[in-house]
Amino acid sequence: MGDVLAGIHSTWEFDSDSVLIRFERGIRTPKLFHVLGERRIPYEALSTVELTPGGKRGTVVLRAVPRAGADPLLEAADGQLKEGSDPYRLVLPAERELLAEYYATELRSALGPDAGSPAERHLVAAPAAPLQFKAYDGKASFDGKAVTFRWFWTGASSAKWRAGDQSFAVSELEGVEWCSPEVFRGHLRLRRRDVSAGVEEAPAEEADQDPAAVVFGLGYGLVYESLPFAASVLAALRDADPVMALEGAGTISHGGVRTAQVGRADPADIAERIRHLGELHGAGLLTDDEFTGKKAELLAEL
């Protein structure tokens, strides 16, 4: 399209295959937007485009709706972002509604053939490491390869002090659970592979006792600090595990942890995923046993 559409807090620049969202750094702009700076969204990452009346009188909202699993930031947020902090919303004056309708139509025509399906991999880049933030009970750091928790004596529980400072390689993780600091008992918890299947994990209210979690509090773990952190970790562990990335097409997320969808799978989709498994196996990214096991799981969904 090659056009620019300026709204409140952000500007959308349309290219042939993507839209570049540039966020303002104004006083009233959500701080999450300050941190994100700009984001390039491929059209293949979108499922649809909506145009609705704005929450404030005299405005309309153009919103691009991402496909499930396409954006690690929204996957980590898991529906907890407030409307005003949604990076996919462009708020415009009502007098620009006709122009917004034009761009909504243009965007819909540019959507990919898989717009109605979950994405098999992340299509939008996550915030880049290194990242860090202060939680109530410790400092969390991520260098792109490992997450480190260093406890504060003023906030950490005795259980965490006994366990000592923690470091988790991306290869040790299978998910990230982010519970917004804007709600009671907000926290960031790492889901580890070494937790045996069927073993009940500590509930969210006991995150202060879990050495694989940091807890938020008033002024700690703020959304614009902890959410980009969680998204970056989630993207890194998906990139490190091709099988987990592949499973994104047939699962839904909750707190960054995947769970199986209910219902029969599309045979064509299963065939495509098995083909992809074969490519991973042929490239040496899966062992014979891993390939056989995952293929059997996929066939069982039919």
C-alpha atoms as a PDB file:
ATOM      1  CA  MET A   1       0.000   0.000   0.000  1.00  0.00           C
ATOM      2  CA  GLY A   2       2.870   2.341   0.815  1.00  0.00           C
ATOM      3  CA  ASP A   3       0.679   4.701   2.896  1.00  0.00           C
ATOM      4  CA  VAL A   4       0.814   6.113   6.418  1.00  0.00           C
ATOM      5  CA  LEU A   5      -2.133   6.359   8.816  1.00  0.00           C
ATOM      6  CA  ALA A   6      -1.500   8.431  11.948  1.00  0.00           C
ATOM      7  CA  GLY A   7      -3.640   7.927  15.035  1.00  0.00           C
ATOM      8  CA  ILE A   8      -3.539   8.611  18.767  1.00  0.00           C
ATOM      9  CA  HIS A   9      -0.381   7.120  20.356  1.00  0.00           C
ATOM     10  CA  SER A  10       0.746   5.324  17.180  1.00  0.00           C
ATOM     11  CA  THR A  11       1.206   5.510  13.411  1.00  0.00           C
ATOM     12  CA  TRP A  12       0.765   2.659  10.939  1.00  0.00           C
ATOM     13  CA  GLU A  13       2.979   2.507   7.858  1.00  0.00           C
ATOM     14  CA  PHE A  14       1.735   0.043   5.250  1.00  0.00           C
ATOM     15  CA  ASP A  15       4.168  -1.951   3.097  1.00  0.00           C
ATOM     16  CA  SER A  16       3.514  -4.639   0.523  1.00  0.00           C
ATOM     17  CA  ASP A  17       3.763  -7.509   3.006  1.00  0.00           C
ATOM     18  CA  SER A  18       3.503  -5.946   6.469  1.00  0.00           C
ATOM     19  CA  VAL A  19       2.469  -2.971   8.552  1.00  0.00           C
ATOM     20  CA  LEU A  20       5.039  -1.119  10.640  1.00  0.00           C
ATOM     21  CA  ILE A  21       3.521   0.228  13.844  1.00  0.00           C
ATOM     22  CA  ARG A  22       5.454   3.137  15.333  1.00  0.00           C
ATOM     23  CA  PHE A  23       4.500   4.156  18.858  1.00  0.00           C
ATOM     24  CA  GLU A  24       4.674   7.703  20.177  1.00  0.00           C
ATOM     25  CA  ARG A  25       6.578   8.536  23.354  1.00  0.00           C
ATOM     26  CA  GLY A  26       4.143  11.112  24.699  1.00  0.00           C
ATOM     27  CA  ILE A  27       3.297  11.626  28.346  1.00  0.00           C
ATOM     28  CA  ARG A  28      -0.123   9.990  27.912  1.00  0.00           C
ATOM     29  CA  THR A  29       1.115   7.122  25.780  1.00  0.00           C
ATOM     30  CA  PRO A  30       1.122   3.769  27.633  1.00  0.00           C
ATOM     31  CA  LYS A  31       4.637   2.982  28.836  1.00  0.00           C
ATOM     32  CA  LEU A  32       4.431  -0.422  27.172  1.00  0.00           C
ATOM     33  CA  PHE A  33       4.368   1.421  23.837  1.00  0.00           C
ATOM     34  CA  HIS A  34       7.473   3.381  24.861  1.00  0.00           C
ATOM     35  CA  VAL A  35       9.307   0.116  25.450  1.00  0.00           C
ATOM     36  CA  LEU A  36       8.111  -1.516  22.234  1.00  0.00           C
ATOM     37  CA  GLY A  37       9.110   1.507  20.148  1.00  0.00           C
ATOM     38  CA  GLU A  38       7.960  -0.022  16.894  1.00  0.00           C
ATOM     39  CA  ARG A  39       6.763  -3.417  15.696  1.00  0.00           C
ATOM     40  CA  ARG A  40       6.580  -4.873  12.206  1.00  0.00           C
ATOM     41  CA  ILE A  41       3.517  -7.074  11.744  1.00  0.00           C
ATOM     42  CA  PRO A  42       3.478  -9.326   8.658  1.00  0.00           C
ATOM     43  CA  TYR A  43       0.056  -9.607   7.092  1.00  0.00           C
ATOM     44  CA  GLU A  44       0.353 -13.386   7.393  1.00  0.00           C
ATOM     45  CA  ALA A  45       0.332 -12.908  11.195  1.00  0.00           C
ATOM     46  CA  LEU A  46      -3.201 -11.450  11.130  1.00  0.00           C
ATOM     47  CA  SER A  47      -6.534 -13.243  11.263  1.00  0.00           C
ATOM     48  CA  THR A  48      -8.869 -10.310  10.586  1.00  0.00           C
ATOM     49  CA  VAL A  49      -9.265  -6.532  10.862  1.00  0.00           C
ATOM     50  CA  GLU A  50     -11.980  -4.756  12.823  1.00  0.00           C
ATOM     51  CA  LEU A  51     -13.352  -1.203  12.799  1.00  0.00           C
ATOM     52  CA  THR A  52     -15.412  -0.212  15.833  1.00  0.00           C
ATOM     53  CA  PRO A  53     -16.518   2.945  17.673  1.00  0.00           C
ATOM     54  CA  GLY A  54     -13.901   4.188  20.130  1.00  0.00           C
ATOM     55  CA  GLY A  55     -14.272   4.120  23.889  1.00  0.00           C
ATOM     56  CA  LYS A  56     -14.074   7.916  23.905  1.00  0.00           C
ATOM     57  CA  ARG A  57     -16.687   9.976  22.124  1.00  0.00           C
ATOM     58  CA  GLY A  58     -15.615  11.140  18.696  1.00  0.00           C
ATOM     59  CA  THR A  59     -13.167   8.315  17.976  1.00  0.00           C
ATOM     60  CA  VAL A  60     -13.074   5.078  16.014  1.00  0.00           C
ATOM     61  CA  VAL A  61     -10.710   2.144  16.465  1.00  0.00           C
ATOM     62  CA  LEU A  62      -8.993   0.209  13.707  1.00  0.00           C
ATOM     63  CA  ARG A  63      -7.741  -3.051  15.161  1.00  0.00           C
ATOM     64  CA  ALA A  64      -5.705  -5.766  13.499  1.00  0.00           C
ATOM     65  CA  VAL A  65      -6.435  -9.107  15.143  1.00  0.00           C
ATOM     66  CA  PRO A  66      -3.399 -11.415  15.267  1.00  0.00           C
ATOM     67  CA  ARG A  67      -3.632 -15.148  14.673  1.00  0.00           C
ATOM     68  CA  ALA A  68      -3.333 -17.280  17.792  1.00  0.00           C
ATOM     69  CA  GLY A  69       0.311 -18.070  18.426  1.00  0.00           C
ATOM     70  CA  ALA A  70       1.652 -15.515  15.940  1.00  0.00           C
ATOM     71  CA  ASP A  71       2.824 -12.913  18.463  1.00  0.00           C
ATOM     72  CA  PRO A  72       4.792 -13.969  21.580  1.00  0.00           C
ATOM     73  CA  LEU A  73       3.839 -10.723  23.330  1.00  0.00           C
ATOM     74  CA  LEU A  74       0.102 -11.430  23.148  1.00  0.00           C
ATOM     75  CA  GLU A  75       0.665 -15.130  23.776  1.00  0.00           C
ATOM     76  CA  ALA A  76       2.450 -14.286  27.027  1.00  0.00           C
ATOM     77  CA  ALA A  77      -0.198 -11.694  27.946  1.00  0.00           C
ATOM     78  CA  ASP A  78      -2.918 -14.328  27.497  1.00  0.00           C
ATOM     79  CA  GLY A  79      -5.747 -11.788  27.331  1.00  0.00           C
ATOM     80  CA  GLN A  80      -4.633  -9.778  30.376  1.00  0.00           C
ATOM     81  CA  LEU A  81      -3.662  -6.552  28.604  1.00  0.00           C
ATOM     82  CA  LYS A  82      -5.948  -3.606  29.161  1.00  0.00           C
ATOM     83  CA  GLU A  83      -7.612  -2.261  26.042  1.00  0.00           C
ATOM     84  CA  GLY A  84      -5.602   0.953  26.087  1.00  0.00           C
ATOM     85  CA  SER A  85      -2.333  -1.005  26.079  1.00  0.00           C
ATOM     86  CA  ASP A  86      -3.259  -3.198  23.116  1.00  0.00           C
ATOM     87  CA  PRO A  87      -0.517  -2.575  20.508  1.00  0.00           C
ATOM     88  CA  TYR A  88      -2.845  -3.683  17.694  1.00  0.00           C
ATOM     89  CA  ARG A  89      -5.341  -0.829  18.231  1.00  0.00           C
ATOM     90  CA  LEU A  90      -5.146   2.396  16.246  1.00  0.00           C
ATOM     91  CA  VAL A  91      -7.424   5.095  17.696  1.00  0.00           C
ATOM     92  CA  LEU A  92      -8.520   7.721  15.167  1.00  0.00           C
ATOM     93  CA  PRO A  93     -10.767  10.810  15.215  1.00  0.00           C
ATOM     94  CA  ALA A  94     -14.298   9.946  14.074  1.00  0.00           C
ATOM     95  CA  GLU A  95     -13.993  12.209  11.034  1.00  0.00           C
ATOM     96  CA  ARG A  96     -11.396   9.789   9.655  1.00  0.00           C
ATOM     97  CA  GLU A  97     -13.784   6.837   9.757  1.00  0.00           C
ATOM     98  CA  LEU A  98     -14.111   6.591   5.961  1.00  0.00           C
ATOM     99  CA  LEU A  99     -10.337   6.524   5.635  1.00  0.00           C
ATOM    100  CA  ALA A 100     -10.168   3.871   8.342  1.00  0.00           C
ATOM    101  CA  GLU A 101     -12.757   1.798   6.473  1.00  0.00           C
ATOM    102  CA  TYR A 102     -10.610   1.988   3.352  1.00  0.00           C
ATOM    103  CA  TYR A 103      -7.523   0.706   5.159  1.00  0.00           C
ATOM    104  CA  ALA A 104      -9.522  -1.991   6.930  1.00  0.00           C
ATOM    105  CA  THR A 105     -10.717  -3.241   3.531  1.00  0.00           C
ATOM    106  CA  GLU A 106      -7.195  -3.092   2.110  1.00  0.00           C
ATOM    107  CA  LEU A 107      -5.767  -4.993   5.069  1.00  0.00           C
ATOM    108  CA  ARG A 108      -8.411  -7.714   4.836  1.00  0.00           C
ATOM    109  CA  SER A 109      -7.574  -8.223   1.170  1.00  0.00           C
ATOM    110  CA  ALA A 110      -3.895  -8.651   2.099  1.00  0.00           C
ATOM    111  CA  LEU A 111      -4.463 -11.386   4.690  1.00  0.00           C
ATOM    112  CA  GLY A 112      -2.770 -14.708   4.053  1.00  0.00           C
ATOM    113  CA  PRO A 113      -4.547 -17.965   3.157  1.00  0.00           C
ATOM    114  CA  ASP A 114      -4.105 -19.278   6.709  1.00  0.00           C
ATOM    115  CA  ALA A 115      -5.682 -16.271   8.412  1.00  0.00           C
ATOM    116  CA  GLY A 116      -8.351 -18.429  10.011  1.00  0.00           C
ATOM    117  CA  SER A 117      -5.885 -20.888  11.549  1.00  0.00           C
ATOM    118  CA  PRO A 118      -3.504 -20.665  14.528  1.00  0.00           C
ATOM    119  CA  ALA A 119       0.088 -19.937  13.547  1.00  0.00           C
ATOM    120  CA  GLU A 120       2.555 -22.822  13.709  1.00  0.00           C
ATOM    121  CA  ARG A 121       5.327 -20.451  14.772  1.00  0.00           C
ATOM    122  CA  HIS A 122       5.826 -16.905  15.939  1.00  0.00           C
ATOM    123  CA  LEU A 123       5.533 -14.491  13.037  1.00  0.00           C
ATOM    124  CA  VAL A 124       6.096 -11.272  14.989  1.00  0.00           C
ATOM    125  CA  ALA A 125       9.446 -10.586  16.608  1.00  0.00           C
ATOM    126  CA  ALA A 126       9.646 -10.579  20.398  1.00  0.00           C
ATOM    127  CA  PRO A 127      11.423  -7.803  22.348  1.00  0.00           C
ATOM    128  CA  ALA A 128      15.139  -8.500  22.097  1.00  0.00           C
ATOM    129  CA  ALA A 129      17.283  -9.663  25.012  1.00  0.00           C
ATOM    130  CA  PRO A 130      19.018  -8.753  27.234  1.00  0.00           C
ATOM    131  CA  LEU A 131      16.111  -7.749  29.440  1.00  0.00           C
ATOM    132  CA  GLN A 132      15.673  -7.336  33.168  1.00  0.00           C
ATOM    133  CA  PHE A 133      13.238  -6.023  35.759  1.00  0.00           C
ATOM    134  CA  LYS A 134      12.823  -5.813  39.518  1.00  0.00           C
ATOM    135  CA  ALA A 135      10.120  -7.914  41.120  1.00  0.00           C
ATOM    136  CA  TYR A 136       9.125  -7.603  44.781  1.00  0.00           C
ATOM    137  CA  ASP A 137      11.286 -10.524  45.868  1.00  0.00           C
ATOM    138  CA  GLY A 138      14.142 -10.477  43.366  1.00  0.00           C
ATOM    139  CA  LYS A 139      15.723  -9.239  40.178  1.00  0.00           C
ATOM    140  CA  ALA A 140      14.954 -11.144  36.964  1.00  0.00           C
ATOM    141  CA  SER A 141      17.419 -11.101  34.054  1.00  0.00           C
ATOM    142  CA  PHE A 142      17.366 -12.733  30.625  1.00  0.00           C
ATOM    143  CA  ASP A 143      20.358 -12.708  28.271  1.00  0.00           C
ATOM    144  CA  GLY A 144      18.744 -14.686  25.463  1.00  0.00           C
ATOM    145  CA  LYS A 145      20.058 -18.028  26.714  1.00  0.00           C
ATOM    146  CA  ALA A 146      19.159 -18.222  30.399  1.00  0.00           C
ATOM    147  CA  VAL A 147      16.823 -16.634  32.938  1.00  0.00           C
ATOM    148  CA  THR A 148      18.376 -15.640  36.258  1.00  0.00           C
ATOM    149  CA  PHE A 149      16.596 -14.795  39.520  1.00  0.00           C
ATOM    150  CA  ARG A 150      18.603 -13.042  42.249  1.00  0.00           C
ATOM    151  CA  TRP A 151      16.668 -12.746  45.491  1.00  0.00           C
ATOM    152  CA  PHE A 152      16.223  -9.599  47.601  1.00  0.00           C
ATOM    153  CA  TRP A 153      16.574 -10.166  51.326  1.00  0.00           C
ATOM    154  CA  THR A 154      13.803  -7.609  51.888  1.00  0.00           C
ATOM    155  CA  GLY A 155      11.193  -9.530  49.906  1.00  0.00           C
ATOM    156  CA  ALA A 156      12.166 -13.136  49.185  1.00  0.00           C
ATOM    157  CA  SER A 157      10.592 -15.932  51.191  1.00  0.00           C
ATOM    158  CA  SER A 158      12.692 -18.249  53.341  1.00  0.00           C
ATOM    159  CA  ALA A 159      12.026 -21.020  50.799  1.00  0.00           C
ATOM    160  CA  LYS A 160      13.711 -18.974  48.093  1.00  0.00           C
ATOM    161  CA  TRP A 161      16.603 -18.027  50.336  1.00  0.00           C
ATOM    162  CA  ARG A 162      17.205 -21.702  51.119  1.00  0.00           C
ATOM    163  CA  ALA A 163      17.133 -22.531  47.395  1.00  0.00           C
ATOM    164  CA  GLY A 164      19.539 -19.704  46.575  1.00  0.00           C
ATOM    165  CA  ASP A 165      19.737 -17.579  43.433  1.00  0.00           C
ATOM    166  CA  GLN A 166      18.441 -19.418  40.389  1.00  0.00           C
ATOM    167  CA  SER A 167      19.473 -19.728  36.735  1.00  0.00           C
ATOM    168  CA  PHE A 168      17.413 -21.575  34.117  1.00  0.00           C
ATOM    169  CA  ALA A 169      18.698 -22.300  30.622  1.00  0.00           C
ATOM    170  CA  VAL A 170      16.114 -21.903  27.869  1.00  0.00           C
ATOM    171  CA  SER A 171      16.524 -25.613  27.110  1.00  0.00           C
ATOM    172  CA  GLU A 172      15.228 -26.410  30.631  1.00  0.00           C
ATOM    173  CA  LEU A 173      11.932 -24.614  30.082  1.00  0.00           C
ATOM    174  CA  GLU A 174       8.645 -25.547  28.474  1.00  0.00           C
ATOM    175  CA  GLY A 175       6.579 -22.452  29.164  1.00  0.00           C
ATOM    176  CA  VAL A 176       6.222 -19.058  30.814  1.00  0.00           C
ATOM    177  CA  GLU A 177       3.308 -17.994  33.011  1.00  0.00           C
ATOM    178  CA  TRP A 178       2.745 -14.246  33.312  1.00  0.00           C
ATOM    179  CA  CYS A 179       0.062 -13.039  35.701  1.00  0.00           C
ATOM    180  CA  SER A 180      -0.368  -9.275  35.370  1.00  0.00           C
ATOM    181  CA  PRO A 181       0.965  -7.070  38.177  1.00  0.00           C
ATOM    182  CA  GLU A 182      -2.288  -5.126  37.865  1.00  0.00           C
ATOM    183  CA  VAL A 183      -4.202  -7.979  39.530  1.00  0.00           C
ATOM    184  CA  PHE A 184      -3.873  -9.667  42.917  1.00  0.00           C
ATOM    185  CA  ARG A 185      -0.934 -12.086  43.229  1.00  0.00           C
ATOM    186  CA  GLY A 186       0.743 -11.091  39.977  1.00  0.00           C
ATOM    187  CA  HIS A 187       3.855 -13.071  39.147  1.00  0.00           C
ATOM    188  CA  LEU A 188       6.094 -14.516  36.477  1.00  0.00           C
ATOM    189  CA  ARG A 189       6.672 -18.256  36.722  1.00  0.00           C
ATOM    190  CA  LEU A 190       8.881 -20.473  34.583  1.00  0.00           C
ATOM    191  CA  ARG A 191       7.519 -23.896  33.690  1.00  0.00           C
ATOM    192  CA  ARG A 192      10.334 -26.422  33.797  1.00  0.00           C
ATOM    193  CA  ARG A 193      10.703 -29.617  31.820  1.00  0.00           C
ATOM    194  CA  ASP A 194      11.943 -31.518  34.865  1.00  0.00           C
ATOM    195  CA  VAL A 195       8.492 -31.381  36.481  1.00  0.00           C
ATOM    196  CA  SER A 196       7.133 -34.873  35.897  1.00  0.00           C
ATOM    197  CA  ALA A 197       3.851 -35.285  34.096  1.00  0.00           C
ATOM    198  CA  GLY A 198       0.978 -35.691  36.517  1.00  0.00           C
ATOM    199  CA  VAL A 199       2.772 -33.939  39.387  1.00  0.00           C
ATOM    200  CA  GLU A 200       0.693 -31.054  40.683  1.00  0.00           C
ATOM    201  CA  GLU A 201       2.589 -27.764  40.647  1.00  0.00           C
ATOM    202  CA  ALA A 202       2.292 -25.120  43.338  1.00  0.00           C
ATOM    203  CA  PRO A 203      -0.817 -22.970  42.773  1.00  0.00           C
ATOM    204  CA  ALA A 204      -0.441 -19.345  41.735  1.00  0.00           C
ATOM    205  CA  GLU A 205      -0.954 -18.085  45.283  1.00  0.00           C
ATOM    206  CA  GLU A 206       2.237 -19.928  46.290  1.00  0.00           C
ATOM    207  CA  ALA A 207       4.471 -18.326  43.669  1.00  0.00           C
ATOM    208  CA  ASP A 208       6.306 -16.647  46.547  1.00  0.00           C
ATOM    209  CA  GLN A 209       7.486 -20.118  47.604  1.00  0.00           C
ATOM    210  CA  ASP A 210       8.522 -21.269  44.115  1.00  0.00           C
ATOM    211  CA  PRO A 211      12.201 -20.697  43.209  1.00  0.00           C
ATOM    212  CA  ALA A 212      11.152 -20.728  39.542  1.00  0.00           C
ATOM    213  CA  ALA A 213       8.927 -17.675  40.019  1.00  0.00           C
ATOM    214  CA  VAL A 214       9.162 -14.033  41.009  1.00  0.00           C
ATOM    215  CA  VAL A 215       6.214 -12.194  42.496  1.00  0.00           C
ATOM    216  CA  PHE A 216       5.095  -8.683  41.671  1.00  0.00           C
ATOM    217  CA  GLY A 217       3.774  -6.002  43.971  1.00  0.00           C
ATOM    218  CA  LEU A 218       3.018  -2.319  44.085  1.00  0.00           C
ATOM    219  CA  GLY A 219       5.623  -0.704  41.831  1.00  0.00           C
ATOM    220  CA  TYR A 220       7.335  -4.006  40.979  1.00  0.00           C
ATOM    221  CA  GLY A 221       7.179  -6.123  37.823  1.00  0.00           C
ATOM    222  CA  LEU A 222       5.239  -3.455  35.959  1.00  0.00           C
ATOM    223  CA  VAL A 223       3.530  -4.480  32.722  1.00  0.00           C
ATOM    224  CA  TYR A 224       5.930  -2.571  30.472  1.00  0.00           C
ATOM    225  CA  GLU A 225       8.887  -4.305  32.164  1.00  0.00           C
ATOM    226  CA  SER A 226       7.719  -7.833  32.896  1.00  0.00           C
ATOM    227  CA  LEU A 227       5.540  -8.572  29.845  1.00  0.00           C
ATOM    228  CA  PRO A 228       8.241  -7.894  27.197  1.00  0.00           C
ATOM    229  CA  PHE A 229      10.539 -10.021  29.374  1.00  0.00           C
ATOM    230  CA  ALA A 230       8.046 -12.915  29.406  1.00  0.00           C
ATOM    231  CA  ALA A 231       7.499 -12.608  25.637  1.00  0.00           C
ATOM    232  CA  SER A 232      11.241 -12.687  24.936  1.00  0.00           C
ATOM    233  CA  VAL A 233      11.710 -15.823  27.051  1.00  0.00           C
ATOM    234  CA  LEU A 234       8.697 -17.496  25.441  1.00  0.00           C
ATOM    235  CA  ALA A 235       9.996 -16.758  21.933  1.00  0.00           C
ATOM    236  CA  ALA A 236      13.446 -18.109  22.819  1.00  0.00           C
ATOM    237  CA  LEU A 237      12.139 -21.393  24.165  1.00  0.00           C
ATOM    238  CA  ARG A 238       9.841 -21.863  21.143  1.00  0.00           C
ATOM    239  CA  ASP A 239      12.812 -21.270  18.823  1.00  0.00           C
ATOM    240  CA  ALA A 240      14.870 -23.765  20.812  1.00  0.00           C
ATOM    241  CA  ASP A 241      12.232 -26.502  20.565  1.00  0.00           C
ATOM    242  CA  PRO A 242      10.933 -27.190  17.032  1.00  0.00           C
ATOM    243  CA  VAL A 243       8.449 -29.758  18.334  1.00  0.00           C
ATOM    244  CA  MET A 244       6.878 -27.219  20.713  1.00  0.00           C
ATOM    245  CA  ALA A 245       6.679 -24.660  17.921  1.00  0.00           C
ATOM    246  CA  LEU A 246       4.983 -27.208  15.683  1.00  0.00           C
ATOM    247  CA  GLU A 247       2.424 -27.997  18.373  1.00  0.00           C
ATOM    248  CA  GLY A 248       1.299 -24.363  18.299  1.00  0.00           C
ATOM    249  CA  ALA A 249      -0.954 -25.174  15.327  1.00  0.00           C
ATOM    250  CA  GLY A 250      -3.033 -27.646  17.308  1.00  0.00           C
ATOM    251  CA  THR A 251      -3.119 -26.114  20.777  1.00  0.00           C
ATOM    252  CA  ILE A 252      -4.368 -23.160  22.687  1.00  0.00           C
ATOM    253  CA  SER A 253      -2.429 -21.296  25.332  1.00  0.00           C
ATOM    254  CA  HIS A 254      -3.023 -20.338  28.907  1.00  0.00           C
ATOM    255  CA  GLY A 255      -0.347 -18.311  30.614  1.00  0.00           C
ATOM    256  CA  GLY A 256       2.171 -19.288  27.941  1.00  0.00           C
ATOM    257  CA  VAL A 257       1.587 -23.017  28.570  1.00  0.00           C
ATOM    258  CA  ARG A 258       0.053 -25.075  25.805  1.00  0.00           C
ATOM    259  CA  THR A 259      -2.889 -27.416  26.325  1.00  0.00           C
ATOM    260  CA  ALA A 260      -4.592 -29.668  23.792  1.00  0.00           C
ATOM    261  CA  GLN A 261      -7.664 -28.429  21.956  1.00  0.00           C
ATOM    262  CA  VAL A 262     -10.848 -30.402  22.152  1.00  0.00           C
ATOM    263  CA  GLY A 263     -12.360 -31.899  19.032  1.00  0.00           C
ATOM    264  CA  ARG A 264     -11.280 -33.768  15.921  1.00  0.00           C
ATOM    265  CA  ALA A 265      -8.423 -32.352  13.909  1.00  0.00           C
ATOM    266  CA  ASP A 266      -8.523 -31.505  10.215  1.00  0.00           C
ATOM    267  CA  PRO A 267      -6.889 -34.429   8.314  1.00  0.00           C
ATOM    268  CA  ALA A 268      -5.223 -32.001   5.911  1.00  0.00           C
ATOM    269  CA  ASP A 269      -3.746 -30.119   8.851  1.00  0.00           C
ATOM    270  CA  ILE A 270      -2.494 -33.368  10.418  1.00  0.00           C
ATOM    271  CA  ALA A 271      -0.896 -34.398   7.117  1.00  0.00           C
ATOM    272  CA  GLU A 272       0.866 -31.032   6.848  1.00  0.00           C
ATOM    273  CA  ARG A 273       2.172 -31.263  10.413  1.00  0.00           C
ATOM    274  CA  ILE A 274       3.448 -34.796   9.827  1.00  0.00           C
ATOM    275  CA  ARG A 275       5.207 -33.557   6.701  1.00  0.00           C
ATOM    276  CA  HIS A 276       6.795 -30.804   8.760  1.00  0.00           C
ATOM    277  CA  LEU A 277       7.844 -33.376  11.361  1.00  0.00           C
ATOM    278  CA  GLY A 278       9.488 -35.377   8.581  1.00  0.00           C
ATOM    279  CA  GLU A 279      11.456 -32.302   7.527  1.00  0.00           C
ATOM    280  CA  LEU A 280      12.658 -31.756  11.086  1.00  0.00           C
ATOM    281  CA  HIS A 281      13.596 -35.423  11.355  1.00  0.00           C
ATOM    282  CA  GLY A 282      15.429 -35.326   8.047  1.00  0.00           C
ATOM    283  CA  ALA A 283      17.343 -32.248   9.186  1.00  0.00           C
ATOM    284  CA  GLY A 284      18.477 -34.047  12.321  1.00  0.00           C
ATOM    285  CA  LEU A 285      16.427 -31.869  14.676  1.00  0.00           C
ATOM    286  CA  LEU A 286      14.354 -34.836  15.878  1.00  0.00           C
ATOM    287  CA  THR A 287      15.530 -38.305  16.882  1.00  0.00           C
ATOM    288  CA  ASP A 288      13.893 -41.415  15.448  1.00  0.00           C
ATOM    289  CA  ASP A 289      11.990 -41.949  18.701  1.00  0.00           C
ATOM    290  CA  GLU A 290      10.825 -38.332  18.871  1.00  0.00           C
ATOM    291  CA  PHE A 291       9.629 -38.450  15.267  1.00  0.00           C
ATOM    292  CA  THR A 292       7.792 -41.749  15.759  1.00  0.00           C
ATOM    293  CA  GLY A 293       6.192 -40.603  19.018  1.00  0.00           C
ATOM    294  CA  LYS A 294       4.990 -37.262  17.696  1.00  0.00           C
ATOM    295  CA  LYS A 295       3.694 -38.832  14.495  1.00  0.00           C
ATOM    296  CA  ALA A 296       1.669 -41.310  16.561  1.00  0.00           C
ATOM    297  CA  GLU A 297       0.240 -38.456  18.680  1.00  0.00           C
ATOM    298  CA  LEU A 298      -0.824 -36.570  15.567  1.00  0.00           C
ATOM    299  CA  LEU A 299      -2.438 -39.616  13.983  1.00  0.00           C
ATOM    300  CA  ALA A 300      -4.329 -40.219  17.234  1.00  0.00           C
ATOM    301  CA  GLU A 301      -6.031 -36.823  16.798  1.00  0.00           C
ATOM    302  CA  LEU A 302      -7.846 -38.023  13.665  1.00  0.00           C
END
